[in-house]
Structures are given as C-alpha cells and as structure tokens.
Amino acid sequence: MALTIFAMVTAGIAGFTTQVARGSRFNGLASVRTGALAGQINRLEVLPYDSLPSRAGCMSISTGLVPRTECIVVEDIVVGRRRVTFIQRPNNTALRPDTVIFERTRPRAYHPLNLF
C-alpha cells in the first residue's frame, strides 16, 4: 500500500518537474531573444543619422540559441526626421515576433554661439 502511494506521488512530481523544465527553457529563449532585440535597437540608435538607410532590409540569422529573421525599414517622415521600424521574427513558432518603432532626427550642426 505504501509503495503504491509513493509511486503515485512520484509520478505527480515527475509531471510537475517536466512542466517547470519546459517553462524554464521557454523563459531562457525569451531572454536571449529580448537581449538580441535590445542589442540591435541600441546599434540603430547610435548609428549616424545619414547611415540609417544603408541598414534597411532583412537578414536571416541562423546561429545562436534563437535563429531569427531581422528586418529594418527606414522611412523619411519629414526633412530631417526618419522613422525606423525593426522587426524580429524568431524561426521558433512558440515565440512571437517583436516590432520596435522609433524616430530619429538629424542633429543640428554645432555652432559655438548657438548654445540652445
């Protein structure tokens, strides 16, 4: 009788452990994906304004923990202002695609008498 109860409890714990391991793996992949997203956005934010159009297009990344496709779209809104759209599509269908949209403006030319 005790052996039967022990087997039932052990089977329940094994099922729970499997669920926790699956969730942990998914969270790990999501963290890697978020890190890749933040890294690419940081690169686009510090890139010189005039170099933004050269980054437009899609690129497939097959290395690393999260194989993905990254697309960059650069649109001129008005003179001196551009909208940058970054889309990251993981190849793993369990992870959703992410889109980040931000605007960049042409920096004003520096002049020592123009303090503001």
PDB file of N, CA and C in Angstrom:
ATOM      1  N   MET A   1       0.817  -1.189   0.000  1.00  0.00           N
ATOM      2  CA  MET A   1       0.000   0.000   0.000  1.00  0.00           C
ATOM      3  C   MET A   1       0.872   1.269   0.000  1.00  0.00           C
ATOM      4  N   ALA A   2       1.882   1.301   0.851  1.00  0.00           N
ATOM      5  CA  ALA A   2       2.776   2.452   0.928  1.00  0.00           C
ATOM      6  C   ALA A   2       3.529   2.638  -0.388  1.00  0.00           C
ATOM      7  N   LEU A   3       3.908   1.542  -1.016  1.00  0.00           N
ATOM      8  CA  LEU A   3       4.624   1.607  -2.289  1.00  0.00           C
ATOM      9  C   LEU A   3       3.742   2.203  -3.389  1.00  0.00           C
ATOM     10  N   THR A   4       2.457   1.886  -3.383  1.00  0.00           N
ATOM     11  CA  THR A   4       1.521   2.425  -4.373  1.00  0.00           C
ATOM     12  C   THR A   4       1.365   3.940  -4.184  1.00  0.00           C
ATOM     13  N   ILE A   5       1.216   4.368  -2.948  1.00  0.00           N
ATOM     14  CA  ILE A   5       1.091   5.793  -2.665  1.00  0.00           C
ATOM     15  C   ILE A   5       2.375   6.528  -3.069  1.00  0.00           C
ATOM     16  N   PHE A   6       3.517   5.930  -2.746  1.00  0.00           N
ATOM     17  CA  PHE A   6       4.800   6.534  -3.119  1.00  0.00           C
ATOM     18  C   PHE A   6       4.921   6.666  -4.640  1.00  0.00           C
ATOM     19  N   ALA A   7       4.493   5.647  -5.395  1.00  0.00           N
ATOM     20  CA  ALA A   7       4.557   5.682  -6.858  1.00  0.00           C
ATOM     21  C   ALA A   7       3.649   6.777  -7.413  1.00  0.00           C
ATOM     22  N   MET A   8       2.464   6.948  -6.834  1.00  0.00           N
ATOM     23  CA  MET A   8       1.542   7.983  -7.311  1.00  0.00           C
ATOM     24  C   MET A   8       2.098   9.385  -7.046  1.00  0.00           C
ATOM     25  N   VAL A   9       2.656   9.590  -5.868  1.00  0.00           N
ATOM     26  CA  VAL A   9       3.238  10.888  -5.536  1.00  0.00           C
ATOM     27  C   VAL A   9       4.437  11.183  -6.432  1.00  0.00           C
ATOM     28  N   THR A  10       5.283  10.197  -6.657  1.00  0.00           N
ATOM     29  CA  THR A  10       6.462  10.366  -7.509  1.00  0.00           C
ATOM     30  C   THR A  10       6.060  10.685  -8.948  1.00  0.00           C
ATOM     31  N   ALA A  11       5.020  10.049  -9.455  1.00  0.00           N
ATOM     32  CA  ALA A  11       4.543  10.327 -10.817  1.00  0.00           C
ATOM     33  C   ALA A  11       4.014  11.755 -10.923  1.00  0.00           C
ATOM     34  N   GLY A  12       3.331  12.210  -9.906  1.00  0.00           N
ATOM     35  CA  GLY A  12       2.837  13.591  -9.895  1.00  0.00           C
ATOM     36  C   GLY A  12       3.972  14.600  -9.878  1.00  0.00           C
ATOM     37  N   ILE A  13       4.976  14.332  -9.082  1.00  0.00           N
ATOM     38  CA  ILE A  13       6.134  15.233  -9.013  1.00  0.00           C
ATOM     39  C   ILE A  13       6.891  15.234 -10.343  1.00  0.00           C
ATOM     40  N   ALA A  14       7.002  14.070 -10.980  1.00  0.00           N
ATOM     41  CA  ALA A  14       7.695  13.991 -12.269  1.00  0.00           C
ATOM     42  C   ALA A  14       6.976  14.831 -13.334  1.00  0.00           C
ATOM     43  N   GLY A  15       5.654  14.777 -13.349  1.00  0.00           N
ATOM     44  CA  GLY A  15       4.891  15.584 -14.300  1.00  0.00           C
ATOM     45  C   GLY A  15       5.083  17.071 -14.055  1.00  0.00           C
ATOM     46  N   PHE A  16       5.088  17.474 -12.793  1.00  0.00           N
ATOM     47  CA  PHE A  16       5.294  18.868 -12.438  1.00  0.00           C
ATOM     48  C   PHE A  16       6.703  19.322 -12.822  1.00  0.00           C
ATOM     49  N   THR A  17       7.686  18.475 -12.590  1.00  0.00           N
ATOM     50  CA  THR A  17       9.067  18.796 -12.938  1.00  0.00           C
ATOM     51  C   THR A  17       9.218  19.004 -14.440  1.00  0.00           C
ATOM     52  N   THR A  18       8.541  18.213 -15.239  1.00  0.00           N
ATOM     53  CA  THR A  18       8.588  18.357 -16.695  1.00  0.00           C
ATOM     54  C   THR A  18       8.012  19.694 -17.125  1.00  0.00           C
ATOM     55  N   GLN A  19       6.909  20.098 -16.521  1.00  0.00           N
ATOM     56  CA  GLN A  19       6.310  21.384 -16.849  1.00  0.00           C
ATOM     57  C   GLN A  19       7.224  22.544 -16.466  1.00  0.00           C
ATOM     58  N   VAL A  20       7.841  22.461 -15.325  1.00  0.00           N
ATOM     59  CA  VAL A  20       8.751  23.518 -14.870  1.00  0.00           C
ATOM     60  C   VAL A  20       9.957  23.612 -15.805  1.00  0.00           C
ATOM     61  N   ALA A  21      10.500  22.467 -16.209  1.00  0.00           N
ATOM     62  CA  ALA A  21      11.647  22.470 -17.116  1.00  0.00           C
ATOM     63  C   ALA A  21      11.276  23.080 -18.465  1.00  0.00           C
ATOM     64  N   ARG A  22      10.103  22.766 -18.983  1.00  0.00           N
ATOM     65  CA  ARG A  22       9.647  23.318 -20.261  1.00  0.00           C
ATOM     66  C   ARG A  22       9.481  24.838 -20.152  1.00  0.00           C
ATOM     67  N   GLY A  23       8.878  25.298 -19.063  1.00  0.00           N
ATOM     68  CA  GLY A  23       8.708  26.736 -18.851  1.00  0.00           C
ATOM     69  C   GLY A  23      10.037  27.451 -18.687  1.00  0.00           C
ATOM     70  N   SER A  24      10.971  26.813 -18.027  1.00  0.00           N
ATOM     71  CA  SER A  24      12.289  27.399 -17.824  1.00  0.00           C
ATOM     72  C   SER A  24      13.026  27.547 -19.155  1.00  0.00           C
ATOM     73  N   ARG A  25      12.927  26.560 -20.005  1.00  0.00           N
ATOM     74  CA  ARG A  25      13.570  26.630 -21.329  1.00  0.00           C
ATOM     75  C   ARG A  25      12.933  27.746 -22.158  1.00  0.00           C
ATOM     76  N   PHE A  26      11.617  27.850 -22.137  1.00  0.00           N
ATOM     77  CA  PHE A  26      10.926  28.894 -22.884  1.00  0.00           C
ATOM     78  C   PHE A  26      11.338  30.275 -22.383  1.00  0.00           C
ATOM     79  N   ASN A  27      11.427  30.455 -21.060  1.00  0.00           N
ATOM     80  CA  ASN A  27      11.841  31.742 -20.497  1.00  0.00           C
ATOM     81  C   ASN A  27      13.280  32.070 -20.863  1.00  0.00           C
ATOM     82  N   GLY A  28      14.136  31.068 -20.912  1.00  0.00           N
ATOM     83  CA  GLY A  28      15.525  31.277 -21.319  1.00  0.00           C
ATOM     84  C   GLY A  28      15.613  31.752 -22.754  1.00  0.00           C
ATOM     85  N   LEU A  29      14.841  31.129 -23.642  1.00  0.00           N
ATOM     86  CA  LEU A  29      14.818  31.555 -25.048  1.00  0.00           C
ATOM     87  C   LEU A  29      14.277  32.971 -25.188  1.00  0.00           C
ATOM     88  N   ALA A  30      13.239  33.286 -24.423  1.00  0.00           N
ATOM     89  CA  ALA A  30      12.664  34.632 -24.475  1.00  0.00           C
ATOM     90  C   ALA A  30      13.680  35.667 -23.993  1.00  0.00           C
ATOM     91  N   SER A  31      14.482  35.338 -22.998  1.00  0.00           N
ATOM     92  CA  SER A  31      15.508  36.263 -22.504  1.00  0.00           C
ATOM     93  C   SER A  31      16.584  36.497 -23.555  1.00  0.00           C
ATOM     94  N   VAL A  32      17.008  35.441 -24.233  1.00  0.00           N
ATOM     95  CA  VAL A  32      18.009  35.581 -25.294  1.00  0.00           C
ATOM     96  C   VAL A  32      17.450  36.446 -26.419  1.00  0.00           C
ATOM     97  N   ARG A  33      16.198  36.205 -26.773  1.00  0.00           N
ATOM     98  CA  ARG A  33      15.547  36.980 -27.836  1.00  0.00           C
ATOM     99  C   ARG A  33      15.457  38.452 -27.460  1.00  0.00           C
ATOM    100  N   THR A  34      15.097  38.742 -26.226  1.00  0.00           N
ATOM    101  CA  THR A  34      14.991  40.118 -25.760  1.00  0.00           C
ATOM    102  C   THR A  34      16.358  40.807 -25.766  1.00  0.00           C
ATOM    103  N   GLY A  35      17.396  40.073 -25.386  1.00  0.00           N
ATOM    104  CA  GLY A  35      18.747  40.624 -25.420  1.00  0.00           C
ATOM    105  C   GLY A  35      19.186  40.955 -26.836  1.00  0.00           C
ATOM    106  N   ALA A  36      18.878  40.075 -27.785  1.00  0.00           N
ATOM    107  CA  ALA A  36      19.222  40.338 -29.192  1.00  0.00           C
ATOM    108  C   ALA A  36      18.460  41.549 -29.715  1.00  0.00           C
ATOM    109  N   LEU A  37      17.203  41.666 -29.322  1.00  0.00           N
ATOM    110  CA  LEU A  37      16.384  42.801 -29.737  1.00  0.00           C
ATOM    111  C   LEU A  37      16.963  44.110 -29.186  1.00  0.00           C
ATOM    112  N   ALA A  38      17.286  44.139 -27.920  1.00  0.00           N
ATOM    113  CA  ALA A  38      17.840  45.347 -27.298  1.00  0.00           C
ATOM    114  C   ALA A  38      19.183  45.717 -27.919  1.00  0.00           C
ATOM    115  N   GLY A  39      20.013  44.729 -28.205  1.00  0.00           N
ATOM    116  CA  GLY A  39      21.305  44.999 -28.824  1.00  0.00           C
ATOM    117  C   GLY A  39      21.167  45.638 -30.190  1.00  0.00           C
ATOM    118  N   GLN A  40      20.264  45.120 -31.008  1.00  0.00           N
ATOM    119  CA  GLN A  40      20.075  45.672 -32.352  1.00  0.00           C
ATOM    120  C   GLN A  40      19.493  47.091 -32.292  1.00  0.00           C
ATOM    121  N   ILE A  41      18.538  47.328 -31.390  1.00  0.00           N
ATOM    122  CA  ILE A  41      17.952  48.663 -31.243  1.00  0.00           C
ATOM    123  C   ILE A  41      19.022  49.655 -30.785  1.00  0.00           C
ATOM    124  N   ASN A  42      19.867  49.246 -29.846  1.00  0.00           N
ATOM    125  CA  ASN A  42      20.946  50.130 -29.389  1.00  0.00           C
ATOM    126  C   ASN A  42      21.888  50.483 -30.538  1.00  0.00           C
ATOM    127  N   ARG A  43      22.205  49.510 -31.395  1.00  0.00           N
ATOM    128  CA  ARG A  43      23.064  49.789 -32.550  1.00  0.00           C
ATOM    129  C   ARG A  43      22.421  50.799 -33.498  1.00  0.00           C
ATOM    130  N   LEU A  44      21.114  50.651 -33.728  1.00  0.00           N
ATOM    131  CA  LEU A  44      20.419  51.570 -34.631  1.00  0.00           C
ATOM    132  C   LEU A  44      20.297  52.972 -34.039  1.00  0.00           C
ATOM    133  N   GLU A  45      20.211  53.068 -32.725  1.00  0.00           N
ATOM    134  CA  GLU A  45      20.081  54.379 -32.091  1.00  0.00           C
ATOM    135  C   GLU A  45      21.377  55.171 -32.111  1.00  0.00           C
ATOM    136  N   VAL A  46      22.527  54.509 -32.111  1.00  0.00           N
ATOM    137  CA  VAL A  46      23.799  55.227 -32.104  1.00  0.00           C
ATOM    138  C   VAL A  46      24.401  55.350 -33.504  1.00  0.00           C
ATOM    139  N   LEU A  47      23.811  54.716 -34.478  1.00  0.00           N
ATOM    140  CA  LEU A  47      24.282  54.815 -35.859  1.00  0.00           C
ATOM    141  C   LEU A  47      24.089  56.248 -36.353  1.00  0.00           C
ATOM    142  N   PRO A  48      25.054  56.806 -37.074  1.00  0.00           N
ATOM    143  CA  PRO A  48      24.865  58.167 -37.596  1.00  0.00           C
ATOM    144  C   PRO A  48      23.590  58.264 -38.437  1.00  0.00           C
ATOM    145  N   TYR A  49      22.931  59.387 -38.327  1.00  0.00           N
ATOM    146  CA  TYR A  49      21.642  59.607 -38.987  1.00  0.00           C
ATOM    147  C   TYR A  49      21.710  59.311 -40.484  1.00  0.00           C
ATOM    148  N   ASP A  50      22.735  59.775 -41.149  1.00  0.00           N
ATOM    149  CA  ASP A  50      22.839  59.587 -42.595  1.00  0.00           C
ATOM    150  C   ASP A  50      23.131  58.139 -42.990  1.00  0.00           C
ATOM    151  N   SER A  51      23.539  57.304 -42.058  1.00  0.00           N
ATOM    152  CA  SER A  51      23.835  55.898 -42.348  1.00  0.00           C
ATOM    153  C   SER A  51      22.624  54.981 -42.187  1.00  0.00           C
ATOM    154  N   LEU A  52      21.513  55.500 -41.667  1.00  0.00           N
ATOM    155  CA  LEU A  52      20.336  54.655 -41.424  1.00  0.00           C
ATOM    156  C   LEU A  52      19.818  53.934 -42.668  1.00  0.00           C
ATOM    157  N   PRO A  53      19.663  54.608 -43.826  1.00  0.00           N
ATOM    158  CA  PRO A  53      19.118  53.897 -44.997  1.00  0.00           C
ATOM    159  C   PRO A  53      19.972  52.709 -45.447  1.00  0.00           C
ATOM    160  N   SER A  54      21.269  52.732 -45.146  1.00  0.00           N
ATOM    161  CA  SER A  54      22.131  51.617 -45.550  1.00  0.00           C
ATOM    162  C   SER A  54      21.823  50.348 -44.756  1.00  0.00           C
ATOM    163  N   ARG A  55      21.124  50.461 -43.643  1.00  0.00           N
ATOM    164  CA  ARG A  55      20.781  49.303 -42.816  1.00  0.00           C
ATOM    165  C   ARG A  55      19.429  48.693 -43.177  1.00  0.00           C
ATOM    166  N   ALA A  56      18.668  49.324 -44.059  1.00  0.00           N
ATOM    167  CA  ALA A  56      17.335  48.830 -44.411  1.00  0.00           C
ATOM    168  C   ALA A  56      17.444  47.489 -45.128  1.00  0.00           C
ATOM    169  N   GLY A  57      16.499  46.595 -44.845  1.00  0.00           N
ATOM    170  CA  GLY A  57      16.460  45.280 -45.469  1.00  0.00           C
ATOM    171  C   GLY A  57      16.290  44.193 -44.421  1.00  0.00           C
ATOM    172  N   CYS A  58      16.305  42.941 -44.881  1.00  0.00           N
ATOM    173  CA  CYS A  58      16.131  41.789 -43.989  1.00  0.00           C
ATOM    174  C   CYS A  58      17.396  40.944 -43.969  1.00  0.00           C
ATOM    175  N   MET A  59      17.629  40.319 -42.816  1.00  0.00           N
ATOM    176  CA  MET A  59      18.792  39.461 -42.647  1.00  0.00           C
ATOM    177  C   MET A  59      18.370  38.236 -41.838  1.00  0.00           C
ATOM    178  N   SER A  60      18.768  37.072 -42.290  1.00  0.00           N
ATOM    179  CA  SER A  60      18.473  35.831 -41.582  1.00  0.00           C
ATOM    180  C   SER A  60      19.670  35.458 -40.719  1.00  0.00           C
ATOM    181  N   ILE A  61      19.402  35.175 -39.448  1.00  0.00           N
ATOM    182  CA  ILE A  61      20.458  34.799 -38.502  1.00  0.00           C
ATOM    183  C   ILE A  61      20.177  33.370 -38.052  1.00  0.00           C
ATOM    184  N   SER A  62      21.058  32.453 -38.426  1.00  0.00           N
ATOM    185  CA  SER A  62      20.826  31.035 -38.120  1.00  0.00           C
ATOM    186  C   SER A  62      21.696  30.527 -36.979  1.00  0.00           C
ATOM    187  N   THR A  63      22.590  31.352 -36.451  1.00  0.00           N
ATOM    188  CA  THR A  63      23.443  30.922 -35.348  1.00  0.00           C
ATOM    189  C   THR A  63      22.852  31.366 -34.021  1.00  0.00           C
ATOM    190  N   GLY A  64      23.363  30.824 -32.945  1.00  0.00           N
ATOM    191  CA  GLY A  64      22.893  31.204 -31.617  1.00  0.00           C
ATOM    192  C   GLY A  64      21.711  30.377 -31.159  1.00  0.00           C
ATOM    193  N   LEU A  65      21.180  30.726 -30.018  1.00  0.00           N
ATOM    194  CA  LEU A  65      20.070  29.981 -29.427  1.00  0.00           C
ATOM    195  C   LEU A  65      18.734  30.265 -30.085  1.00  0.00           C
ATOM    196  N   VAL A  66      18.595  31.452 -30.674  1.00  0.00           N
ATOM    197  CA  VAL A  66      17.318  31.833 -31.279  1.00  0.00           C
ATOM    198  C   VAL A  66      17.545  32.215 -32.743  1.00  0.00           C
ATOM    199  N   PRO A  67      17.467  31.237 -33.660  1.00  0.00           N
ATOM    200  CA  PRO A  67      17.542  31.585 -35.082  1.00  0.00           C
ATOM    201  C   PRO A  67      16.359  32.480 -35.439  1.00  0.00           C
ATOM    202  N   ARG A  68      16.619  33.524 -36.240  1.00  0.00           N
ATOM    203  CA  ARG A  68      15.575  34.510 -36.481  1.00  0.00           C
ATOM    204  C   ARG A  68      15.831  35.260 -37.784  1.00  0.00           C
ATOM    205  N   THR A  69      14.820  36.020 -38.189  1.00  0.00           N
ATOM    206  CA  THR A  69      14.929  36.942 -39.299  1.00  0.00           C
ATOM    207  C   THR A  69      14.714  38.340 -38.747  1.00  0.00           C
ATOM    208  N   GLU A  70      15.629  39.256 -39.071  1.00  0.00           N
ATOM    209  CA  GLU A  70      15.525  40.629 -38.612  1.00  0.00           C
ATOM    210  C   GLU A  70      15.351  41.537 -39.821  1.00  0.00           C
ATOM    211  N   CYS A  71      14.337  42.401 -39.766  1.00  0.00           N
ATOM    212  CA  CYS A  71      14.062  43.340 -40.859  1.00  0.00           C
ATOM    213  C   CYS A  71      14.083  44.768 -40.325  1.00  0.00           C
ATOM    214  N   ILE A  72      14.698  45.648 -41.113  1.00  0.00           N
ATOM    215  CA  ILE A  72      14.776  47.068 -40.759  1.00  0.00           C
ATOM    216  C   ILE A  72      14.176  47.866 -41.906  1.00  0.00           C
ATOM    217  N   VAL A  73      13.245  48.759 -41.561  1.00  0.00           N
ATOM    218  CA  VAL A  73      12.622  49.651 -42.538  1.00  0.00           C
ATOM    219  C   VAL A  73      12.888  51.079 -42.076  1.00  0.00           C
ATOM    220  N   VAL A  74      13.406  51.911 -42.986  1.00  0.00           N
ATOM    221  CA  VAL A  74      13.685  53.316 -42.680  1.00  0.00           C
ATOM    222  C   VAL A  74      12.834  54.170 -43.606  1.00  0.00           C
ATOM    223  N   GLU A  75      11.985  55.029 -43.009  1.00  0.00           N
ATOM    224  CA  GLU A  75      11.098  55.900 -43.784  1.00  0.00           C
ATOM    225  C   GLU A  75      11.373  57.353 -43.439  1.00  0.00           C
ATOM    226  N   ASP A  76      11.426  58.208 -44.447  1.00  0.00           N
ATOM    227  CA  ASP A  76      11.529  59.652 -44.209  1.00  0.00           C
ATOM    228  C   ASP A  76      10.134  60.174 -43.887  1.00  0.00           C
ATOM    229  N   ILE A  77       9.986  60.809 -42.728  1.00  0.00           N
ATOM    230  CA  ILE A  77       8.699  61.378 -42.333  1.00  0.00           C
ATOM    231  C   ILE A  77       8.605  62.797 -42.878  1.00  0.00           C
ATOM    232  N   VAL A  78       9.538  63.623 -42.487  1.00  0.00           N
ATOM    233  CA  VAL A  78       9.700  64.977 -42.999  1.00  0.00           C
ATOM    234  C   VAL A  78      11.203  65.195 -43.140  1.00  0.00           C
ATOM    235  N   VAL A  79      11.579  66.321 -43.669  1.00  0.00           N
ATOM    236  CA  VAL A  79      13.002  66.601 -43.820  1.00  0.00           C
ATOM    237  C   VAL A  79      13.658  66.625 -42.439  1.00  0.00           C
ATOM    238  N   GLY A  80      14.678  65.826 -42.274  1.00  0.00           N
ATOM    239  CA  GLY A  80      15.401  65.784 -41.012  1.00  0.00           C
ATOM    240  C   GLY A  80      14.823  64.836 -39.975  1.00  0.00           C
ATOM    241  N   ARG A  81      13.819  64.053 -40.330  1.00  0.00           N
ATOM    242  CA  ARG A  81      13.221  63.108 -39.376  1.00  0.00           C
ATOM    243  C   ARG A  81      12.909  61.793 -40.092  1.00  0.00           C
ATOM    244  N   ARG A  82      13.336  60.683 -39.477  1.00  0.00           N
ATOM    245  CA  ARG A  82      13.112  59.359 -40.049  1.00  0.00           C
ATOM    246  C   ARG A  82      12.493  58.428 -39.015  1.00  0.00           C
ATOM    247  N   ARG A  83      11.614  57.569 -39.503  1.00  0.00           N
ATOM    248  CA  ARG A  83      11.006  56.531 -38.660  1.00  0.00           C
ATOM    249  C   ARG A  83      11.727  55.222 -38.972  1.00  0.00           C
ATOM    250  N   VAL A  84      12.206  54.565 -37.928  1.00  0.00           N
ATOM    251  CA  VAL A  84      12.905  53.295 -38.068  1.00  0.00           C
ATOM    252  C   VAL A  84      12.018  52.210 -37.462  1.00  0.00           C
ATOM    253  N   THR A  85      11.723  51.180 -38.258  1.00  0.00           N
ATOM    254  CA  THR A  85      10.935  50.047 -37.788  1.00  0.00           C
ATOM    255  C   THR A  85      11.830  48.816 -37.812  1.00  0.00           C
ATOM    256  N   PHE A  86      11.942  48.172 -36.670  1.00  0.00           N
ATOM    257  CA  PHE A  86      12.755  46.956 -36.551  1.00  0.00           C
ATOM    258  C   PHE A  86      11.831  45.801 -36.191  1.00  0.00           C
ATOM    259  N   ILE A  87      11.860  44.745 -36.993  1.00  0.00           N
ATOM    260  CA  ILE A  87      11.012  43.567 -36.764  1.00  0.00           C
ATOM    261  C   ILE A  87      11.921  42.358 -36.591  1.00  0.00           C
ATOM    262  N   GLN A  88      11.702  41.632 -35.509  1.00  0.00           N
ATOM    263  CA  GLN A  88      12.463  40.410 -35.235  1.00  0.00           C
ATOM    264  C   GLN A  88      11.485  39.243 -35.240  1.00  0.00           C
ATOM    265  N   ARG A  89      11.667  38.311 -36.183  1.00  0.00           N
ATOM    266  CA  ARG A  89      10.789  37.143 -36.300  1.00  0.00           C
ATOM    267  C   ARG A  89      11.573  35.881 -35.973  1.00  0.00           C
ATOM    268  N   PRO A  90      11.376  35.304 -34.781  1.00  0.00           N
ATOM    269  CA  PRO A  90      12.057  34.047 -34.455  1.00  0.00           C
ATOM    270  C   PRO A  90      11.553  32.911 -35.343  1.00  0.00           C
ATOM    271  N   ASN A  91      12.451  31.998 -35.713  1.00  0.00           N
ATOM    272  CA  ASN A  91      12.051  30.839 -36.505  1.00  0.00           C
ATOM    273  C   ASN A  91      11.209  29.867 -35.689  1.00  0.00           C
ATOM    274  N   ASN A  92      11.346  29.902 -34.368  1.00  0.00           N
ATOM    275  CA  ASN A  92      10.555  29.072 -33.466  1.00  0.00           C
ATOM    276  C   ASN A  92       9.156  29.674 -33.367  1.00  0.00           C
ATOM    277  N   THR A  93       8.148  28.941 -33.784  1.00  0.00           N
ATOM    278  CA  THR A  93       6.779  29.468 -33.793  1.00  0.00           C
ATOM    279  C   THR A  93       6.200  29.649 -32.384  1.00  0.00           C
ATOM    280  N   ALA A  94       6.848  29.103 -31.367  1.00  0.00           N
ATOM    281  CA  ALA A  94       6.374  29.308 -29.994  1.00  0.00           C
ATOM    282  C   ALA A  94       6.674  30.727 -29.515  1.00  0.00           C
ATOM    283  N   LEU A  95       7.611  31.410 -30.177  1.00  0.00           N
ATOM    284  CA  LEU A  95       7.965  32.782 -29.808  1.00  0.00           C
ATOM    285  C   LEU A  95       7.309  33.742 -30.788  1.00  0.00           C
ATOM    286  N   ARG A  96       6.739  34.798 -30.279  1.00  0.00           N
ATOM    287  CA  ARG A  96       6.050  35.763 -31.128  1.00  0.00           C
ATOM    288  C   ARG A  96       7.051  36.750 -31.738  1.00  0.00           C
ATOM    289  N   PRO A  97       6.723  37.300 -32.898  1.00  0.00           N
ATOM    290  CA  PRO A  97       7.592  38.333 -33.469  1.00  0.00           C
ATOM    291  C   PRO A  97       7.484  39.629 -32.672  1.00  0.00           C
ATOM    292  N   ASP A  98       8.553  40.397 -32.662  1.00  0.00           N
ATOM    293  CA  ASP A  98       8.575  41.685 -31.967  1.00  0.00           C
ATOM    294  C   ASP A  98       8.814  42.795 -32.968  1.00  0.00           C
ATOM    295  N   THR A  99       8.172  43.932 -32.740  1.00  0.00           N
ATOM    296  CA  THR A  99       8.352  45.108 -33.576  1.00  0.00           C
ATOM    297  C   THR A  99       8.645  46.300 -32.682  1.00  0.00           C
ATOM    298  N   VAL A 100       9.701  47.044 -33.029  1.00  0.00           N
ATOM    299  CA  VAL A 100      10.051  48.268 -32.315  1.00  0.00           C
ATOM    300  C   VAL A 100      10.089  49.388 -33.346  1.00  0.00           C
ATOM    301  N   ILE A 101       9.381  50.480 -33.043  1.00  0.00           N
ATOM    302  CA  ILE A 101       9.347  51.634 -33.930  1.00  0.00           C
ATOM    303  C   ILE A 101       9.841  52.847 -33.146  1.00  0.00           C
ATOM    304  N   PHE A 102      10.799  53.553 -33.702  1.00  0.00           N
ATOM    305  CA  PHE A 102      11.265  54.783 -33.076  1.00  0.00           C
ATOM    306  C   PHE A 102      11.644  55.782 -34.166  1.00  0.00           C
ATOM    307  N   GLU A 103      11.786  57.039 -33.767  1.00  0.00           N
ATOM    308  CA  GLU A 103      12.112  58.095 -34.719  1.00  0.00           C
ATOM    309  C   GLU A 103      13.477  58.669 -34.401  1.00  0.00           C
ATOM    310  N   ARG A 104      14.174  59.007 -35.458  1.00  0.00           N
ATOM    311  CA  ARG A 104      15.475  59.657 -35.335  1.00  0.00           C
ATOM    312  C   ARG A 104      15.398  61.004 -36.039  1.00  0.00           C
ATOM    313  N   THR A 105      16.047  62.004 -35.483  1.00  0.00           N
ATOM    314  CA  THR A 105      16.101  63.318 -36.117  1.00  0.00           C
ATOM    315  C   THR A 105      17.547  63.661 -36.447  1.00  0.00           C
ATOM    316  N   ARG A 106      17.694  64.448 -37.481  1.00  0.00           N
ATOM    317  CA  ARG A 106      19.029  64.894 -37.874  1.00  0.00           C
ATOM    318  C   ARG A 106      19.533  65.847 -36.789  1.00  0.00           C
ATOM    319  N   PRO A 107      20.737  65.616 -36.300  1.00  0.00           N
ATOM    320  CA  PRO A 107      21.252  66.528 -35.269  1.00  0.00           C
ATOM    321  C   PRO A 107      21.552  67.900 -35.866  1.00  0.00           C
ATOM    322  N   ARG A 108      21.354  68.916 -35.060  1.00  0.00           N
ATOM    323  CA  ARG A 108      21.667  70.273 -35.510  1.00  0.00           C
ATOM    324  C   ARG A 108      23.177  70.445 -35.572  1.00  0.00           C
ATOM    325  N   ALA A 109      23.615  71.210 -36.525  1.00  0.00           N
ATOM    326  CA  ALA A 109      25.040  71.496 -36.644  1.00  0.00           C
ATOM    327  C   ALA A 109      25.492  72.308 -35.433  1.00  0.00           C
ATOM    328  N   TYR A 110      26.643  71.978 -34.938  1.00  0.00           N
ATOM    329  CA  TYR A 110      27.168  72.683 -33.763  1.00  0.00           C
ATOM    330  C   TYR A 110      27.752  74.029 -34.177  1.00  0.00           C
ATOM    331  N   HIS A 111      27.396  75.036 -33.442  1.00  0.00           N
ATOM    332  CA  HIS A 111      27.976  76.365 -33.625  1.00  0.00           C
ATOM    333  C   HIS A 111      28.234  76.921 -32.240  1.00  0.00           C
ATOM    334  N   PRO A 112      29.426  77.413 -31.965  1.00  0.00           N
ATOM    335  CA  PRO A 112      29.745  77.853 -30.596  1.00  0.00           C
ATOM    336  C   PRO A 112      28.871  78.985 -30.073  1.00  0.00           C
ATOM    337  N   LEU A 113      28.272  79.776 -30.958  1.00  0.00           N
ATOM    338  CA  LEU A 113      27.408  80.859 -30.487  1.00  0.00           C
ATOM    339  C   LEU A 113      25.952  80.419 -30.343  1.00  0.00           C
ATOM    340  N   ASN A 114      25.635  79.235 -30.791  1.00  0.00           N
ATOM    341  CA  ASN A 114      24.293  78.672 -30.675  1.00  0.00           C
ATOM    342  C   ASN A 114      24.268  77.735 -29.458  1.00  0.00           C
ATOM    343  N   LEU A 115      24.056  78.246 -28.290  1.00  0.00           N
ATOM    344  CA  LEU A 115      24.114  77.426 -27.096  1.00  0.00           C
ATOM    345  C   LEU A 115      22.837  76.643 -26.852  1.00  0.00           C
ATOM    346  N   PHE A 116      21.727  77.054 -27.396  1.00  0.00           N
ATOM    347  CA  PHE A 116      20.465  76.360 -27.123  1.00  0.00           C
ATOM    348  C   PHE A 116      19.790  75.960 -28.385  1.00  0.00           C
TER     349      PHE A 116
END
